[in-house]
Amino acid sequence: MPTRASHLPHYVERTALQKLRDTPGLLAPHLMPAGPKTLSKMVEKTWIALQAGSPVRYCITPEGEAALKAKIPMPRSAQTHAR
């Protein structure tokens, strides 16, 4: 399977983004299966942001919304079988 483009979220990232879209300000444990490394990568990609305060909470950014709405390309072979 080809690697996914970096601007498209993979399954774990999509799950976290969807949870944050439904409930902004979640704590990291509520974003499982996304772990600390995945969350830090999502912050680097500017898909999520840390909210001020303690304990640390996350919120989805406009870039994260765009990543969720991005069209996932279908492999050419799957397109021919779908017809």
N, C-alpha and C. Protein backbone atom coordinates (compact mmCIF):
# COMPACT_ATOMS: atom_id res chain seq x y z
N MET A 1 0.85 -1.17 0.00
CA MET A 1 0.00 0.00 0.00
C MET A 1 0.90 1.24 0.00
N PRO A 2 0.61 2.20 -0.86
CA PRO A 2 1.44 3.41 -0.89
C PRO A 2 1.26 4.22 0.39
N THR A 3 2.30 4.96 0.73
CA THR A 3 2.22 5.79 1.92
C THR A 3 1.27 6.95 1.68
N ARG A 4 0.60 7.35 2.72
CA ARG A 4 -0.36 8.45 2.63
C ARG A 4 0.39 9.77 2.60
N ALA A 5 -0.11 10.70 1.82
CA ALA A 5 0.48 12.04 1.75
C ALA A 5 0.40 12.68 3.14
N SER A 6 1.41 13.48 3.48
CA SER A 6 1.51 14.04 4.83
C SER A 6 0.39 15.02 5.14
N HIS A 7 -0.27 15.57 4.12
CA HIS A 7 -1.37 16.50 4.39
C HIS A 7 -2.69 15.79 4.64
N LEU A 8 -2.71 14.48 4.53
CA LEU A 8 -3.91 13.69 4.80
C LEU A 8 -3.74 12.93 6.12
N PRO A 9 -4.69 13.06 7.02
CA PRO A 9 -4.57 12.35 8.30
C PRO A 9 -4.80 10.85 8.14
N HIS A 10 -4.01 10.07 8.88
CA HIS A 10 -4.25 8.62 8.88
C HIS A 10 -5.33 8.31 9.92
N TYR A 11 -5.67 7.05 10.06
CA TYR A 11 -6.80 6.63 10.88
C TYR A 11 -6.77 7.21 12.30
N VAL A 12 -5.65 7.09 12.98
CA VAL A 12 -5.54 7.54 14.37
C VAL A 12 -5.68 9.06 14.45
N GLU A 13 -5.05 9.76 13.51
CA GLU A 13 -5.16 11.22 13.48
C GLU A 13 -6.60 11.65 13.18
N ARG A 14 -7.25 10.99 12.23
CA ARG A 14 -8.65 11.31 11.90
C ARG A 14 -9.55 11.11 13.11
N THR A 15 -9.33 10.03 13.85
CA THR A 15 -10.14 9.76 15.03
C THR A 15 -10.02 10.90 16.03
N ALA A 16 -8.78 11.34 16.30
CA ALA A 16 -8.56 12.43 17.25
C ALA A 16 -9.19 13.73 16.74
N LEU A 17 -9.03 14.03 15.46
CA LEU A 17 -9.60 15.25 14.89
C LEU A 17 -11.13 15.23 14.98
N GLN A 18 -11.73 14.09 14.70
CA GLN A 18 -13.18 13.98 14.77
C GLN A 18 -13.68 14.17 16.21
N LYS A 19 -12.96 13.61 17.16
CA LYS A 19 -13.33 13.79 18.57
C LYS A 19 -13.24 15.26 18.97
N LEU A 20 -12.18 15.93 18.52
CA LEU A 20 -12.00 17.34 18.86
C LEU A 20 -13.02 18.23 18.17
N ARG A 21 -13.44 17.86 16.98
CA ARG A 21 -14.46 18.63 16.28
C ARG A 21 -15.78 18.55 17.06
N ASP A 22 -16.08 17.37 17.59
CA ASP A 22 -17.32 17.18 18.34
C ASP A 22 -17.26 17.80 19.74
N THR A 23 -16.07 17.71 20.38
CA THR A 23 -15.91 18.20 21.75
C THR A 23 -14.57 18.91 21.89
N PRO A 24 -14.51 20.21 21.62
CA PRO A 24 -13.24 20.94 21.77
C PRO A 24 -12.78 20.93 23.23
N GLY A 25 -11.48 20.99 23.40
CA GLY A 25 -10.91 21.09 24.74
C GLY A 25 -10.76 19.77 25.46
N LEU A 26 -10.53 18.69 24.71
CA LEU A 26 -10.36 17.38 25.34
C LEU A 26 -8.95 17.21 25.88
N LEU A 27 -8.84 16.43 26.94
CA LEU A 27 -7.55 16.04 27.48
C LEU A 27 -6.95 14.93 26.62
N ALA A 28 -5.64 14.78 26.66
CA ALA A 28 -4.96 13.77 25.85
C ALA A 28 -5.52 12.36 26.04
N PRO A 29 -5.81 11.90 27.27
CA PRO A 29 -6.34 10.54 27.42
C PRO A 29 -7.66 10.30 26.68
N HIS A 30 -8.43 11.36 26.45
CA HIS A 30 -9.70 11.22 25.73
C HIS A 30 -9.51 11.16 24.21
N LEU A 31 -8.28 11.34 23.76
CA LEU A 31 -7.99 11.31 22.32
C LEU A 31 -7.37 9.98 21.90
N MET A 32 -7.42 8.99 22.76
CA MET A 32 -6.88 7.68 22.42
C MET A 32 -7.63 7.14 21.21
N PRO A 33 -7.01 6.46 20.31
CA PRO A 33 -5.71 5.81 20.38
C PRO A 33 -4.52 6.72 20.06
N ALA A 34 -4.74 8.00 19.86
CA ALA A 34 -3.62 8.91 19.60
C ALA A 34 -2.80 9.08 20.88
N GLY A 35 -1.53 8.77 20.79
CA GLY A 35 -0.64 8.91 21.93
C GLY A 35 0.13 10.21 21.88
N PRO A 36 1.05 10.41 22.82
CA PRO A 36 1.81 11.66 22.89
C PRO A 36 2.57 11.99 21.61
N LYS A 37 3.17 10.99 20.97
CA LYS A 37 3.94 11.24 19.74
C LYS A 37 3.01 11.70 18.61
N THR A 38 1.88 11.04 18.46
CA THR A 38 0.92 11.42 17.41
C THR A 38 0.40 12.82 17.67
N LEU A 39 0.05 13.12 18.90
CA LEU A 39 -0.46 14.45 19.24
C LEU A 39 0.58 15.53 18.97
N SER A 40 1.85 15.26 19.30
CA SER A 40 2.89 16.27 19.04
C SER A 40 3.09 16.49 17.54
N LYS A 41 2.98 15.42 16.75
CA LYS A 41 3.07 15.56 15.29
C LYS A 41 1.89 16.37 14.76
N MET A 42 0.72 16.17 15.33
CA MET A 42 -0.46 16.91 14.90
C MET A 42 -0.34 18.40 15.26
N VAL A 43 0.29 18.69 16.38
CA VAL A 43 0.56 20.09 16.76
C VAL A 43 1.55 20.68 15.76
N GLU A 44 2.60 19.92 15.39
CA GLU A 44 3.58 20.39 14.40
C GLU A 44 2.91 20.68 13.06
N LYS A 45 1.95 19.86 12.68
CA LYS A 45 1.24 20.05 11.40
C LYS A 45 0.20 21.17 11.50
N THR A 46 0.03 21.74 12.68
CA THR A 46 -0.94 22.79 13.02
C THR A 46 -2.39 22.33 12.85
N TRP A 47 -2.64 21.03 12.98
CA TRP A 47 -3.99 20.50 12.91
C TRP A 47 -4.71 20.67 14.24
N ILE A 48 -3.94 20.65 15.33
CA ILE A 48 -4.51 20.87 16.65
C ILE A 48 -3.62 21.88 17.38
N ALA A 49 -4.19 22.47 18.41
CA ALA A 49 -3.43 23.45 19.21
C ALA A 49 -3.68 23.16 20.68
N LEU A 50 -2.69 23.53 21.47
CA LEU A 50 -2.83 23.41 22.92
C LEU A 50 -3.64 24.59 23.43
N GLN A 51 -4.56 24.32 24.33
CA GLN A 51 -5.30 25.40 24.97
C GLN A 51 -4.56 25.79 26.24
N ALA A 52 -4.57 27.05 26.53
CA ALA A 52 -3.89 27.54 27.73
C ALA A 52 -4.53 26.95 28.98
N GLY A 53 -3.71 26.75 29.97
CA GLY A 53 -4.22 26.26 31.25
C GLY A 53 -3.67 24.91 31.61
N SER A 54 -4.04 24.47 32.77
CA SER A 54 -3.60 23.18 33.24
C SER A 54 -4.84 22.43 33.71
N PRO A 55 -5.04 21.22 33.42
CA PRO A 55 -4.21 20.35 32.59
C PRO A 55 -4.31 20.70 31.11
N VAL A 56 -3.39 20.14 30.36
CA VAL A 56 -3.30 20.45 28.93
C VAL A 56 -4.51 19.91 28.19
N ARG A 57 -5.13 20.78 27.42
CA ARG A 57 -6.27 20.40 26.58
C ARG A 57 -5.95 20.78 25.13
N TYR A 58 -6.58 20.09 24.22
CA TYR A 58 -6.35 20.32 22.80
C TYR A 58 -7.62 20.81 22.12
N CYS A 59 -7.45 21.57 21.04
CA CYS A 59 -8.59 21.98 20.21
C CYS A 59 -8.17 21.85 18.74
N ILE A 60 -9.14 21.64 17.88
CA ILE A 60 -8.88 21.52 16.45
C ILE A 60 -8.72 22.93 15.86
N THR A 61 -7.84 23.06 14.89
CA THR A 61 -7.60 24.34 14.22
C THR A 61 -8.29 24.33 12.85
N PRO A 62 -8.34 25.49 12.19
CA PRO A 62 -8.89 25.49 10.82
C PRO A 62 -8.12 24.56 9.88
N GLU A 63 -6.81 24.42 10.09
CA GLU A 63 -6.01 23.50 9.27
C GLU A 63 -6.43 22.06 9.53
N GLY A 64 -6.77 21.74 10.78
CA GLY A 64 -7.25 20.41 11.12
C GLY A 64 -8.59 20.11 10.48
N GLU A 65 -9.46 21.12 10.45
CA GLU A 65 -10.76 20.97 9.77
C GLU A 65 -10.55 20.69 8.29
N ALA A 66 -9.60 21.43 7.69
CA ALA A 66 -9.31 21.23 6.26
C ALA A 66 -8.75 19.84 6.01
N ALA A 67 -7.91 19.35 6.91
CA ALA A 67 -7.34 18.01 6.75
C ALA A 67 -8.44 16.96 6.82
N LEU A 68 -9.43 17.16 7.69
CA LEU A 68 -10.54 16.22 7.78
C LEU A 68 -11.39 16.22 6.50
N LYS A 69 -11.53 17.38 5.88
CA LYS A 69 -12.37 17.50 4.70
C LYS A 69 -11.64 17.16 3.40
N ALA A 70 -10.32 17.00 3.46
CA ALA A 70 -9.53 16.72 2.26
C ALA A 70 -9.96 15.39 1.65
N LYS A 71 -10.04 15.39 0.34
CA LYS A 71 -10.44 14.19 -0.39
C LYS A 71 -9.28 13.19 -0.38
N ILE A 72 -9.59 11.96 -0.03
CA ILE A 72 -8.59 10.90 -0.02
C ILE A 72 -8.58 10.28 -1.41
N PRO A 73 -7.43 10.36 -2.11
CA PRO A 73 -7.39 9.83 -3.47
C PRO A 73 -7.52 8.31 -3.47
N MET A 74 -8.26 7.82 -4.44
CA MET A 74 -8.41 6.37 -4.62
C MET A 74 -7.33 5.88 -5.57
N PRO A 75 -6.74 4.74 -5.29
CA PRO A 75 -5.79 4.18 -6.25
C PRO A 75 -6.47 3.92 -7.59
N ARG A 76 -5.75 4.09 -8.65
CA ARG A 76 -6.33 3.93 -9.98
C ARG A 76 -6.96 2.55 -10.17
N SER A 77 -6.34 1.51 -9.64
CA SER A 77 -6.88 0.16 -9.81
C SER A 77 -8.23 0.03 -9.10
N ALA A 78 -8.43 0.69 -7.99
CA ALA A 78 -9.72 0.62 -7.29
C ALA A 78 -10.80 1.37 -8.07
N GLN A 79 -10.40 2.43 -8.77
CA GLN A 79 -11.38 3.19 -9.55
C GLN A 79 -11.91 2.34 -10.71
N THR A 80 -11.07 1.58 -11.33
CA THR A 80 -11.52 0.76 -12.47
C THR A 80 -12.43 -0.37 -12.01
N HIS A 81 -12.20 -0.90 -10.79
CA HIS A 81 -13.04 -1.97 -10.27
C HIS A 81 -14.40 -1.43 -9.79
N ALA A 82 -14.47 -0.16 -9.45
CA ALA A 82 -15.71 0.42 -8.93
C ALA A 82 -16.72 0.70 -10.04
N ARG A 83 -16.31 0.71 -11.25
CA ARG A 83 -17.21 1.03 -12.37
C ARG A 83 -18.15 -0.06 -12.69
